[in-house]
Amino acid sequence: ISAGFGGALRTDLRRNDIVVANSVAQENGEELSLESADDLRWPRCFIGRMLTVDRVVRTVQEKRQLHTATGADLVEMETAAVVETCQRLGAPAAAVRVVIDTADEELPPHLDTIIRQQSKARQWGAALGAIFARPKIAGELYQLKENAILASDRLAKFLAEFIARHAAD
């Protein structure tokens, strides 16, 4: 199961909604199909199309462009690689994401730079550099952390039920 955070591309998806993929698209046009759970009983849980990209999609404008170009419901950074590997090995695969930012929200600038650092020390350095350059970002990063804690909790609870239900199959 590829699980984690994703950014909404559809305007009706809200923060902490769960999306289970029925397909995963890539910007190069390749698409992978997945079996999705059709008995989702959780509130604000959707089956949809994910788009895997190699960067953080931060702006409302880019989210709208990606949604228009691909029809994807949610954007994330890892699922295509996981699903490709599973399919190549003949292993079952599923993808579940929790919405961390809506289609109408911008993520803080410098977030991609911070995330891509190879060590915690470099991440802290990049974060401090971003805060020094733009002090307002400190509050934005703190709010994102708080959102991530809530989203992680919802995702963990969903995954526990999802795994238990599918382990019985």
C-alpha atoms as a PDB file:
ATOM      1  CA  ILE A   1       0.000   0.000   0.000  1.00  0.00           C
ATOM      2  CA  SER A   2       1.386   3.330  -1.060  1.00  0.00           C
ATOM      3  CA  ALA A   3       0.033   5.702   1.578  1.00  0.00           C
ATOM      4  CA  GLY A   4       0.727   9.271   2.569  1.00  0.00           C
ATOM      5  CA  PHE A   5      -0.189  12.868   1.867  1.00  0.00           C
ATOM      6  CA  GLY A   6      -1.532  14.352  -1.344  1.00  0.00           C
ATOM      7  CA  GLY A   7      -2.676  17.694  -2.633  1.00  0.00           C
ATOM      8  CA  ALA A   8      -6.250  18.036  -3.872  1.00  0.00           C
ATOM      9  CA  LEU A   9      -6.724  18.973  -7.506  1.00  0.00           C
ATOM     10  CA  ARG A  10     -10.527  18.790  -7.335  1.00  0.00           C
ATOM     11  CA  THR A  11     -12.134  21.749  -5.601  1.00  0.00           C
ATOM     12  CA  ASP A  12     -14.666  19.607  -3.697  1.00  0.00           C
ATOM     13  CA  LEU A  13     -11.941  17.658  -1.858  1.00  0.00           C
ATOM     14  CA  ARG A  14     -11.274  19.003   1.626  1.00  0.00           C
ATOM     15  CA  ARG A  15      -8.344  18.736   3.970  1.00  0.00           C
ATOM     16  CA  ASN A  16      -8.246  15.271   5.650  1.00  0.00           C
ATOM     17  CA  ASP A  17     -10.410  13.607   2.974  1.00  0.00           C
ATOM     18  CA  ILE A  18      -9.207  10.128   2.020  1.00  0.00           C
ATOM     19  CA  VAL A  19      -8.652   9.180  -1.627  1.00  0.00           C
ATOM     20  CA  VAL A  20      -8.195   5.556  -2.704  1.00  0.00           C
ATOM     21  CA  ALA A  21      -6.765   5.314  -6.211  1.00  0.00           C
ATOM     22  CA  ASN A  22      -8.433   3.474  -9.054  1.00  0.00           C
ATOM     23  CA  SER A  23      -5.665   4.713 -11.377  1.00  0.00           C
ATOM     24  CA  VAL A  24      -2.353   6.523 -11.197  1.00  0.00           C
ATOM     25  CA  ALA A  25      -1.290   8.882 -13.968  1.00  0.00           C
ATOM     26  CA  GLN A  26       2.084  10.424 -14.656  1.00  0.00           C
ATOM     27  CA  GLU A  27       2.789  13.719 -16.389  1.00  0.00           C
ATOM     28  CA  ASN A  28       4.278  11.856 -19.362  1.00  0.00           C
ATOM     29  CA  GLY A  29       0.825  10.382 -20.057  1.00  0.00           C
ATOM     30  CA  GLU A  30       1.469   6.887 -18.731  1.00  0.00           C
ATOM     31  CA  GLU A  31      -1.326   5.476 -16.609  1.00  0.00           C
ATOM     32  CA  LEU A  32      -1.574   2.504 -14.274  1.00  0.00           C
ATOM     33  CA  SER A  33      -4.897   0.941 -13.289  1.00  0.00           C
ATOM     34  CA  LEU A  34      -5.612  -0.338  -9.807  1.00  0.00           C
ATOM     35  CA  GLU A  35      -8.381  -2.316  -8.218  1.00  0.00           C
ATOM     36  CA  SER A  36     -10.013  -0.052  -5.701  1.00  0.00           C
ATOM     37  CA  ALA A  37     -12.185  -0.815  -2.737  1.00  0.00           C
ATOM     38  CA  ASP A  38     -15.792  -0.346  -3.741  1.00  0.00           C
ATOM     39  CA  ASP A  39     -17.185  -0.645  -0.225  1.00  0.00           C
ATOM     40  CA  LEU A  40     -15.734   2.498   1.302  1.00  0.00           C
ATOM     41  CA  ARG A  41     -17.777   3.235   4.371  1.00  0.00           C
ATOM     42  CA  TRP A  42     -15.771   6.133   5.721  1.00  0.00           C
ATOM     43  CA  PRO A  43     -17.136   9.661   5.586  1.00  0.00           C
ATOM     44  CA  ARG A  44     -15.299  11.895   3.143  1.00  0.00           C
ATOM     45  CA  CYS A  45     -13.580   8.935   1.463  1.00  0.00           C
ATOM     46  CA  PHE A  46     -13.397   8.852  -2.320  1.00  0.00           C
ATOM     47  CA  ILE A  47     -12.174   6.629  -5.125  1.00  0.00           C
ATOM     48  CA  GLY A  48     -10.226   8.644  -7.643  1.00  0.00           C
ATOM     49  CA  ARG A  49      -7.369   9.202 -10.017  1.00  0.00           C
ATOM     50  CA  MET A  50      -3.977  10.170  -8.611  1.00  0.00           C
ATOM     51  CA  LEU A  51      -1.222  12.005 -10.447  1.00  0.00           C
ATOM     52  CA  THR A  52       2.395  11.307  -9.536  1.00  0.00           C
ATOM     53  CA  VAL A  53       4.841  14.166 -10.123  1.00  0.00           C
ATOM     54  CA  ASP A  54       8.451  14.741  -9.093  1.00  0.00           C
ATOM     55  CA  ARG A  55       7.934  17.994  -7.190  1.00  0.00           C
ATOM     56  CA  VAL A  56       5.716  19.687  -4.638  1.00  0.00           C
ATOM     57  CA  VAL A  57       2.748  21.293  -6.398  1.00  0.00           C
ATOM     58  CA  ARG A  58       2.367  24.469  -4.389  1.00  0.00           C
ATOM     59  CA  THR A  59       0.251  26.996  -6.230  1.00  0.00           C
ATOM     60  CA  VAL A  60      -3.461  27.119  -6.956  1.00  0.00           C
ATOM     61  CA  GLN A  61      -2.659  27.926 -10.584  1.00  0.00           C
ATOM     62  CA  GLU A  62      -0.508  24.812 -11.054  1.00  0.00           C
ATOM     63  CA  LYS A  63      -3.113  22.636  -9.314  1.00  0.00           C
ATOM     64  CA  ARG A  64      -5.799  23.903 -11.701  1.00  0.00           C
ATOM     65  CA  GLN A  65      -3.552  23.356 -14.724  1.00  0.00           C
ATOM     66  CA  LEU A  66      -2.761  19.777 -13.673  1.00  0.00           C
ATOM     67  CA  HIS A  67      -6.413  18.985 -13.005  1.00  0.00           C
ATOM     68  CA  THR A  68      -7.431  20.356 -16.409  1.00  0.00           C
ATOM     69  CA  ALA A  69      -4.590  18.604 -18.254  1.00  0.00           C
ATOM     70  CA  THR A  70      -4.892  15.197 -16.565  1.00  0.00           C
ATOM     71  CA  GLY A  71      -8.324  14.934 -14.952  1.00  0.00           C
ATOM     72  CA  ALA A  72      -6.607  13.733 -11.770  1.00  0.00           C
ATOM     73  CA  ASP A  73      -8.278  14.248  -8.411  1.00  0.00           C
ATOM     74  CA  LEU A  74      -5.135  14.394  -6.292  1.00  0.00           C
ATOM     75  CA  VAL A  75      -1.389  14.952  -6.800  1.00  0.00           C
ATOM     76  CA  GLU A  76       1.418  13.196  -4.925  1.00  0.00           C
ATOM     77  CA  MET A  77       5.030  12.154  -5.444  1.00  0.00           C
ATOM     78  CA  GLU A  78       5.514   8.393  -4.964  1.00  0.00           C
ATOM     79  CA  THR A  79       2.626   6.170  -5.967  1.00  0.00           C
ATOM     80  CA  ALA A  80       3.506   5.485  -9.612  1.00  0.00           C
ATOM     81  CA  ALA A  81       6.903   4.014  -8.686  1.00  0.00           C
ATOM     82  CA  VAL A  82       5.373   1.776  -6.003  1.00  0.00           C
ATOM     83  CA  VAL A  83       2.566   0.549  -8.264  1.00  0.00           C
ATOM     84  CA  GLU A  84       4.917  -0.048 -11.229  1.00  0.00           C
ATOM     85  CA  THR A  85       7.190  -2.163  -9.035  1.00  0.00           C
ATOM     86  CA  CYS A  86       4.296  -4.159  -7.575  1.00  0.00           C
ATOM     87  CA  GLN A  87       2.802  -4.807 -10.997  1.00  0.00           C
ATOM     88  CA  ARG A  88       6.185  -5.870 -12.388  1.00  0.00           C
ATOM     89  CA  LEU A  89       6.555  -8.343  -9.489  1.00  0.00           C
ATOM     90  CA  GLY A  90       2.969  -9.560  -9.755  1.00  0.00           C
ATOM     91  CA  ALA A  91       2.174  -8.272  -6.273  1.00  0.00           C
ATOM     92  CA  PRO A  92      -1.110  -6.603  -5.357  1.00  0.00           C
ATOM     93  CA  ALA A  93      -0.980  -2.828  -4.931  1.00  0.00           C
ATOM     94  CA  ALA A  94      -3.196  -0.151  -3.482  1.00  0.00           C
ATOM     95  CA  ALA A  95      -2.767   3.580  -3.076  1.00  0.00           C
ATOM     96  CA  VAL A  96      -4.328   5.659  -0.317  1.00  0.00           C
ATOM     97  CA  ARG A  97      -3.710   9.340   0.310  1.00  0.00           C
ATOM     98  CA  VAL A  98      -5.049  11.861   2.766  1.00  0.00           C
ATOM     99  CA  VAL A  99      -5.545  15.408   1.508  1.00  0.00           C
ATOM    100  CA  ILE A 100      -3.075  17.761   3.180  1.00  0.00           C
ATOM    101  CA  ASP A 101      -3.863  20.844   1.088  1.00  0.00           C
ATOM    102  CA  THR A 102      -6.948  21.735  -0.927  1.00  0.00           C
ATOM    103  CA  ALA A 103      -7.060  22.836  -4.546  1.00  0.00           C
ATOM    104  CA  ASP A 104      -7.665  26.405  -3.357  1.00  0.00           C
ATOM    105  CA  GLU A 105      -4.726  26.519  -0.923  1.00  0.00           C
ATOM    106  CA  GLU A 106      -1.147  27.516  -1.632  1.00  0.00           C
ATOM    107  CA  LEU A 107       1.657  25.714   0.145  1.00  0.00           C
ATOM    108  CA  PRO A 108       4.483  27.775   1.659  1.00  0.00           C
ATOM    109  CA  PRO A 109       7.267  28.849  -0.680  1.00  0.00           C
ATOM    110  CA  HIS A 110      10.547  26.967  -0.233  1.00  0.00           C
ATOM    111  CA  LEU A 111       8.682  23.816   0.880  1.00  0.00           C
ATOM    112  CA  ASP A 112      10.043  21.746  -2.012  1.00  0.00           C
ATOM    113  CA  THR A 113      13.600  22.878  -1.197  1.00  0.00           C
ATOM    114  CA  ILE A 114      13.157  21.944   2.467  1.00  0.00           C
ATOM    115  CA  ILE A 115      11.667  18.525   1.698  1.00  0.00           C
ATOM    116  CA  ARG A 116      14.367  17.581  -0.823  1.00  0.00           C
ATOM    117  CA  GLN A 117      17.266  17.998   1.608  1.00  0.00           C
ATOM    118  CA  GLN A 118      19.134  14.742   2.247  1.00  0.00           C
ATOM    119  CA  SER A 119      19.475  15.062   6.018  1.00  0.00           C
ATOM    120  CA  LYS A 120      17.557  16.522   8.945  1.00  0.00           C
ATOM    121  CA  ALA A 121      20.362  19.036   9.525  1.00  0.00           C
ATOM    122  CA  ARG A 122      20.063  20.290   5.950  1.00  0.00           C
ATOM    123  CA  GLN A 123      16.263  20.410   6.233  1.00  0.00           C
ATOM    124  CA  TRP A 124      16.588  22.556   9.352  1.00  0.00           C
ATOM    125  CA  GLY A 125      19.116  24.760   7.580  1.00  0.00           C
ATOM    126  CA  ALA A 126      16.827  25.196   4.585  1.00  0.00           C
ATOM    127  CA  ALA A 127      13.866  25.947   6.863  1.00  0.00           C
ATOM    128  CA  LEU A 128      15.824  28.514   8.862  1.00  0.00           C
ATOM    129  CA  GLY A 129      17.076  30.111   5.634  1.00  0.00           C
ATOM    130  CA  ALA A 130      13.488  30.346   4.365  1.00  0.00           C
ATOM    131  CA  ILE A 131      12.333  31.886   7.663  1.00  0.00           C
ATOM    132  CA  PHE A 132      15.185  34.401   7.606  1.00  0.00           C
ATOM    133  CA  ALA A 133      14.294  35.390   4.034  1.00  0.00           C
ATOM    134  CA  ARG A 134      10.558  35.538   4.736  1.00  0.00           C
ATOM    135  CA  PRO A 135       9.629  35.503   8.462  1.00  0.00           C
ATOM    136  CA  LYS A 136       5.915  34.945   7.728  1.00  0.00           C
ATOM    137  CA  ILE A 137       6.758  31.435   6.503  1.00  0.00           C
ATOM    138  CA  ALA A 138       7.377  30.293  10.107  1.00  0.00           C
ATOM    139  CA  GLY A 139       3.655  30.449  10.876  1.00  0.00           C
ATOM    140  CA  GLU A 140       2.779  28.797   7.557  1.00  0.00           C
ATOM    141  CA  LEU A 141       5.190  25.910   8.194  1.00  0.00           C
ATOM    142  CA  TYR A 142       3.870  25.495  11.740  1.00  0.00           C
ATOM    143  CA  GLN A 143       0.271  25.360  10.466  1.00  0.00           C
ATOM    144  CA  LEU A 144       1.282  22.799   7.830  1.00  0.00           C
ATOM    145  CA  LYS A 145       2.861  20.671  10.576  1.00  0.00           C
ATOM    146  CA  GLU A 146      -0.349  20.849  12.624  1.00  0.00           C
ATOM    147  CA  ASN A 147      -2.417  19.903   9.559  1.00  0.00           C
ATOM    148  CA  ALA A 148      -0.058  16.994   8.908  1.00  0.00           C
ATOM    149  CA  ILE A 149      -0.514  15.644  12.440  1.00  0.00           C
ATOM    150  CA  LEU A 150      -4.309  15.589  12.065  1.00  0.00           C
ATOM    151  CA  ALA A 151      -4.109  14.142   8.556  1.00  0.00           C
ATOM    152  CA  SER A 152      -1.679  11.420   9.692  1.00  0.00           C
ATOM    153  CA  ASP A 153      -4.042  10.379  12.462  1.00  0.00           C
ATOM    154  CA  ARG A 154      -7.011  10.093  10.078  1.00  0.00           C
ATOM    155  CA  LEU A 155      -4.912   8.176   7.539  1.00  0.00           C
ATOM    156  CA  ALA A 156      -3.640   5.746  10.192  1.00  0.00           C
ATOM    157  CA  LYS A 157      -7.170   4.989  11.393  1.00  0.00           C
ATOM    158  CA  PHE A 158      -8.379   4.487   7.829  1.00  0.00           C
ATOM    159  CA  LEU A 159      -5.452   2.210   6.962  1.00  0.00           C
ATOM    160  CA  ALA A 160      -6.028   0.041  10.032  1.00  0.00           C
ATOM    161  CA  GLU A 161      -9.585  -0.633   8.898  1.00  0.00           C
ATOM    162  CA  PHE A 162      -8.633  -0.915   5.214  1.00  0.00           C
ATOM    163  CA  ILE A 163      -5.925  -3.498   5.952  1.00  0.00           C
ATOM    164  CA  ALA A 164      -8.134  -5.481   8.338  1.00  0.00           C
ATOM    165  CA  ARG A 165     -10.927  -5.626   5.759  1.00  0.00           C
ATOM    166  CA  HIS A 166      -8.630  -6.710   2.934  1.00  0.00           C
ATOM    167  CA  ALA A 167      -6.645  -9.180   5.026  1.00  0.00           C
ATOM    168  CA  ALA A 168      -9.840 -11.207   5.340  1.00  0.00           C
ATOM    169  CA  ASP A 169     -10.099 -11.463   1.507  1.00  0.00           C
END
